[in-house]
Amino acid sequence: MTPTTGTAVTSDTPANPVEAVAVTAASQVRGAEILDAQARYILRLRFKDLCEDEIAVLAGCSPRQVSKVIRRSVSALLEDAEVEAGGN
């Protein structure tokens, strides 16, 4: 991912553009309105490069549930970003 001007790239910056959008959105107030506390926690752990098994232990749920939460959360954040940008 090539950063835009004014974007700091750190070791926590996701390489995948979709993940970058999700992380950015989750850190904003709207992200807090869209996602519940568990979803925000799971996303933070995922983008710190923990695997689903590790996240499941920390979050107290199954790896399958972690996968579902990540997929639904990223989808919801991307949908909200499109609405905010005037997209579909």
N, C-alpha and C. Protein backbone atom coordinates (compact mmCIF):
# COMPACT_ATOMS: atom_id res chain seq x y z
N MET A 1 0.84 -1.17 0.00
CA MET A 1 0.00 0.00 0.00
C MET A 1 0.88 1.23 0.00
N THR A 2 0.66 2.12 -0.90
CA THR A 2 1.41 3.36 -0.97
C THR A 2 0.66 4.41 -0.16
N PRO A 3 1.30 4.97 0.87
CA PRO A 3 0.61 5.96 1.68
C PRO A 3 0.40 7.26 0.92
N THR A 4 -0.68 7.92 1.25
CA THR A 4 -0.92 9.24 0.67
C THR A 4 -0.19 10.27 1.51
N THR A 5 -0.05 11.46 0.99
CA THR A 5 0.63 12.52 1.72
C THR A 5 -0.06 12.75 3.05
N GLY A 6 0.73 12.81 4.10
CA GLY A 6 0.18 13.06 5.43
C GLY A 6 -0.23 11.79 6.16
N THR A 7 -0.06 10.63 5.55
CA THR A 7 -0.40 9.37 6.19
C THR A 7 0.86 8.76 6.76
N ALA A 8 0.86 8.57 8.06
CA ALA A 8 2.02 7.95 8.70
C ALA A 8 1.94 6.45 8.55
N VAL A 9 3.02 5.85 8.16
CA VAL A 9 3.08 4.39 8.05
C VAL A 9 3.89 3.89 9.22
N THR A 10 3.27 3.06 10.04
CA THR A 10 3.94 2.48 11.20
C THR A 10 3.91 0.98 11.08
N SER A 11 4.50 0.31 12.04
CA SER A 11 4.48 -1.15 12.02
C SER A 11 3.06 -1.68 12.20
N ASP A 12 2.14 -0.85 12.71
CA ASP A 12 0.75 -1.25 12.90
C ASP A 12 -0.11 -0.98 11.67
N THR A 13 0.44 -0.33 10.64
CA THR A 13 -0.33 0.00 9.44
C THR A 13 -0.52 -1.25 8.60
N PRO A 14 -1.78 -1.65 8.36
CA PRO A 14 -2.02 -2.84 7.55
C PRO A 14 -1.56 -2.66 6.11
N ALA A 15 -1.05 -3.72 5.51
CA ALA A 15 -0.60 -3.67 4.13
C ALA A 15 -1.76 -3.77 3.16
N ASN A 16 -2.84 -4.41 3.58
CA ASN A 16 -4.02 -4.60 2.73
C ASN A 16 -4.88 -3.34 2.79
N PRO A 17 -5.24 -2.75 1.64
CA PRO A 17 -6.05 -1.53 1.64
C PRO A 17 -7.40 -1.70 2.33
N VAL A 18 -8.02 -2.86 2.19
CA VAL A 18 -9.31 -3.08 2.84
C VAL A 18 -9.14 -3.06 4.35
N GLU A 19 -8.08 -3.69 4.84
CA GLU A 19 -7.81 -3.67 6.27
C GLU A 19 -7.51 -2.26 6.75
N ALA A 20 -6.80 -1.49 5.94
CA ALA A 20 -6.48 -0.12 6.30
C ALA A 20 -7.74 0.71 6.47
N VAL A 21 -8.69 0.53 5.56
CA VAL A 21 -9.97 1.24 5.66
C VAL A 21 -10.70 0.83 6.93
N ALA A 22 -10.72 -0.46 7.21
CA ALA A 22 -11.42 -0.95 8.39
C ALA A 22 -10.80 -0.41 9.67
N VAL A 23 -9.47 -0.43 9.74
CA VAL A 23 -8.80 0.08 10.93
C VAL A 23 -9.05 1.57 11.10
N THR A 24 -8.95 2.32 10.01
CA THR A 24 -9.20 3.76 10.08
C THR A 24 -10.62 4.04 10.53
N ALA A 25 -11.58 3.36 9.93
CA ALA A 25 -12.98 3.58 10.28
C ALA A 25 -13.27 3.17 11.72
N ALA A 26 -12.68 2.05 12.15
CA ALA A 26 -12.92 1.57 13.51
C ALA A 26 -12.37 2.53 14.55
N SER A 27 -11.34 3.29 14.19
CA SER A 27 -10.75 4.21 15.14
C SER A 27 -11.51 5.53 15.21
N GLN A 28 -12.43 5.72 14.32
CA GLN A 28 -13.22 6.95 14.30
C GLN A 28 -14.48 6.76 15.13
N VAL A 29 -15.11 7.85 15.49
CA VAL A 29 -16.33 7.80 16.29
C VAL A 29 -17.41 6.99 15.58
N ARG A 30 -17.54 7.14 14.27
CA ARG A 30 -18.56 6.38 13.54
C ARG A 30 -18.31 4.88 13.67
N GLY A 31 -17.05 4.48 13.71
CA GLY A 31 -16.74 3.07 13.90
C GLY A 31 -17.26 2.57 15.23
N ALA A 32 -17.16 3.41 16.24
CA ALA A 32 -17.67 3.04 17.56
C ALA A 32 -19.19 2.93 17.55
N GLU A 33 -19.85 3.71 16.70
CA GLU A 33 -21.31 3.64 16.61
C GLU A 33 -21.75 2.41 15.82
N ILE A 34 -20.94 1.96 14.88
CA ILE A 34 -21.31 0.87 13.99
C ILE A 34 -21.02 -0.49 14.63
N LEU A 35 -19.89 -0.60 15.31
CA LEU A 35 -19.45 -1.88 15.86
C LEU A 35 -19.63 -1.93 17.37
N ASP A 36 -19.99 -3.11 17.87
CA ASP A 36 -20.08 -3.25 19.32
C ASP A 36 -18.67 -3.42 19.90
N ALA A 37 -18.58 -3.42 21.21
CA ALA A 37 -17.27 -3.47 21.88
C ALA A 37 -16.50 -4.73 21.52
N GLN A 38 -17.17 -5.88 21.44
CA GLN A 38 -16.49 -7.12 21.10
C GLN A 38 -15.91 -7.07 19.69
N ALA A 39 -16.67 -6.55 18.75
CA ALA A 39 -16.20 -6.46 17.37
C ALA A 39 -14.99 -5.54 17.27
N ARG A 40 -15.03 -4.40 17.96
CA ARG A 40 -13.88 -3.49 17.95
C ARG A 40 -12.65 -4.16 18.55
N TYR A 41 -12.84 -4.89 19.63
CA TYR A 41 -11.74 -5.59 20.30
C TYR A 41 -11.14 -6.64 19.37
N ILE A 42 -11.99 -7.43 18.75
CA ILE A 42 -11.52 -8.48 17.84
C ILE A 42 -10.77 -7.88 16.65
N LEU A 43 -11.29 -6.80 16.08
CA LEU A 43 -10.59 -6.16 14.96
C LEU A 43 -9.23 -5.62 15.38
N ARG A 44 -9.17 -4.98 16.54
CA ARG A 44 -7.87 -4.48 17.02
C ARG A 44 -6.86 -5.61 17.15
N LEU A 45 -7.30 -6.73 17.70
CA LEU A 45 -6.39 -7.87 17.86
C LEU A 45 -5.98 -8.44 16.50
N ARG A 46 -6.93 -8.54 15.58
CA ARG A 46 -6.63 -9.10 14.25
C ARG A 46 -5.60 -8.27 13.51
N PHE A 47 -5.73 -6.96 13.61
CA PHE A 47 -4.81 -6.10 12.89
C PHE A 47 -3.51 -5.85 13.63
N LYS A 48 -3.36 -6.54 14.75
CA LYS A 48 -2.06 -6.61 15.43
C LYS A 48 -1.41 -7.95 15.10
N ASP A 49 -1.92 -8.58 14.05
CA ASP A 49 -1.37 -9.83 13.50
C ASP A 49 -1.55 -11.06 14.40
N LEU A 50 -2.56 -11.05 15.26
CA LEU A 50 -2.88 -12.26 15.99
C LEU A 50 -3.73 -13.14 15.09
N CYS A 51 -3.56 -14.45 15.19
CA CYS A 51 -4.37 -15.35 14.38
C CYS A 51 -5.73 -15.55 15.06
N GLU A 52 -6.67 -16.10 14.32
CA GLU A 52 -8.03 -16.27 14.84
C GLU A 52 -8.06 -17.15 16.08
N ASP A 53 -7.21 -18.16 16.16
CA ASP A 53 -7.15 -19.02 17.35
C ASP A 53 -6.72 -18.22 18.58
N GLU A 54 -5.71 -17.37 18.41
CA GLU A 54 -5.23 -16.54 19.53
C GLU A 54 -6.30 -15.54 19.96
N ILE A 55 -6.96 -14.93 18.99
CA ILE A 55 -8.01 -13.96 19.29
C ILE A 55 -9.16 -14.65 20.02
N ALA A 56 -9.51 -15.85 19.58
CA ALA A 56 -10.62 -16.58 20.21
C ALA A 56 -10.35 -16.81 21.69
N VAL A 57 -9.13 -17.16 22.02
CA VAL A 57 -8.78 -17.38 23.43
C VAL A 57 -8.95 -16.08 24.22
N LEU A 58 -8.42 -15.00 23.68
CA LEU A 58 -8.49 -13.70 24.37
C LEU A 58 -9.91 -13.15 24.46
N ALA A 59 -10.71 -13.39 23.42
CA ALA A 59 -12.07 -12.85 23.38
C ALA A 59 -13.09 -13.79 24.01
N GLY A 60 -12.69 -15.00 24.32
CA GLY A 60 -13.60 -15.95 24.96
C GLY A 60 -14.67 -16.50 24.02
N CYS A 61 -14.28 -16.75 22.79
CA CYS A 61 -15.23 -17.30 21.82
C CYS A 61 -14.48 -18.27 20.91
N SER A 62 -15.19 -18.86 19.95
CA SER A 62 -14.56 -19.82 19.05
C SER A 62 -13.85 -19.11 17.89
N PRO A 63 -12.87 -19.76 17.29
CA PRO A 63 -12.22 -19.18 16.11
C PRO A 63 -13.23 -18.92 14.98
N ARG A 64 -14.22 -19.78 14.86
CA ARG A 64 -15.25 -19.57 13.84
C ARG A 64 -16.03 -18.27 14.10
N GLN A 65 -16.35 -18.02 15.37
CA GLN A 65 -17.04 -16.77 15.72
C GLN A 65 -16.16 -15.56 15.42
N VAL A 66 -14.87 -15.68 15.70
CA VAL A 66 -13.93 -14.60 15.40
C VAL A 66 -13.96 -14.29 13.91
N SER A 67 -13.92 -15.33 13.08
CA SER A 67 -13.96 -15.16 11.63
C SER A 67 -15.23 -14.43 11.20
N LYS A 68 -16.36 -14.83 11.76
CA LYS A 68 -17.64 -14.20 11.41
C LYS A 68 -17.66 -12.73 11.84
N VAL A 69 -17.17 -12.46 13.03
CA VAL A 69 -17.16 -11.07 13.53
C VAL A 69 -16.28 -10.20 12.64
N ILE A 70 -15.11 -10.70 12.27
CA ILE A 70 -14.20 -9.93 11.41
C ILE A 70 -14.86 -9.66 10.07
N ARG A 71 -15.40 -10.69 9.45
CA ARG A 71 -16.02 -10.53 8.13
C ARG A 71 -17.19 -9.54 8.18
N ARG A 72 -18.06 -9.68 9.16
CA ARG A 72 -19.22 -8.77 9.27
C ARG A 72 -18.80 -7.35 9.62
N SER A 73 -17.80 -7.21 10.46
CA SER A 73 -17.35 -5.88 10.88
C SER A 73 -16.72 -5.12 9.72
N VAL A 74 -15.84 -5.79 8.98
CA VAL A 74 -15.20 -5.14 7.84
C VAL A 74 -16.25 -4.77 6.81
N SER A 75 -17.20 -5.65 6.58
CA SER A 75 -18.27 -5.37 5.62
C SER A 75 -19.09 -4.15 6.05
N ALA A 76 -19.45 -4.10 7.33
CA ALA A 76 -20.24 -2.97 7.84
C ALA A 76 -19.46 -1.66 7.74
N LEU A 77 -18.17 -1.70 8.05
CA LEU A 77 -17.36 -0.49 7.99
C LEU A 77 -17.18 -0.01 6.55
N LEU A 78 -16.97 -0.95 5.64
CA LEU A 78 -16.83 -0.58 4.24
C LEU A 78 -18.14 -0.01 3.69
N GLU A 79 -19.25 -0.62 4.07
CA GLU A 79 -20.56 -0.11 3.63
C GLU A 79 -20.79 1.31 4.15
N ASP A 80 -20.44 1.54 5.40
CA ASP A 80 -20.61 2.88 5.97
C ASP A 80 -19.69 3.88 5.28
N ALA A 81 -18.47 3.47 4.96
CA ALA A 81 -17.53 4.36 4.28
C ALA A 81 -18.07 4.73 2.90
N GLU A 82 -18.69 3.78 2.20
CA GLU A 82 -19.27 4.07 0.88
C GLU A 82 -20.42 5.06 1.01
N VAL A 83 -21.26 4.90 2.01
CA VAL A 83 -22.38 5.81 2.24
C VAL A 83 -21.87 7.20 2.53
N GLU A 84 -20.86 7.29 3.41
CA GLU A 84 -20.28 8.57 3.76
C GLU A 84 -19.64 9.26 2.56
N ALA A 85 -19.09 8.46 1.64
CA ALA A 85 -18.43 9.01 0.47
C ALA A 85 -19.41 9.31 -0.66
N GLY A 86 -20.68 8.96 -0.43
CA GLY A 86 -21.69 9.22 -1.45
C GLY A 86 -21.80 8.11 -2.47
N GLY A 87 -21.26 6.95 -2.15
CA GLY A 87 -21.34 5.80 -3.06
C GLY A 87 -22.66 5.11 -2.95
N ASN A 88 -22.72 3.87 -3.46
CA ASN A 88 -23.96 3.09 -3.44
C ASN A 88 -24.39 2.83 -2.06
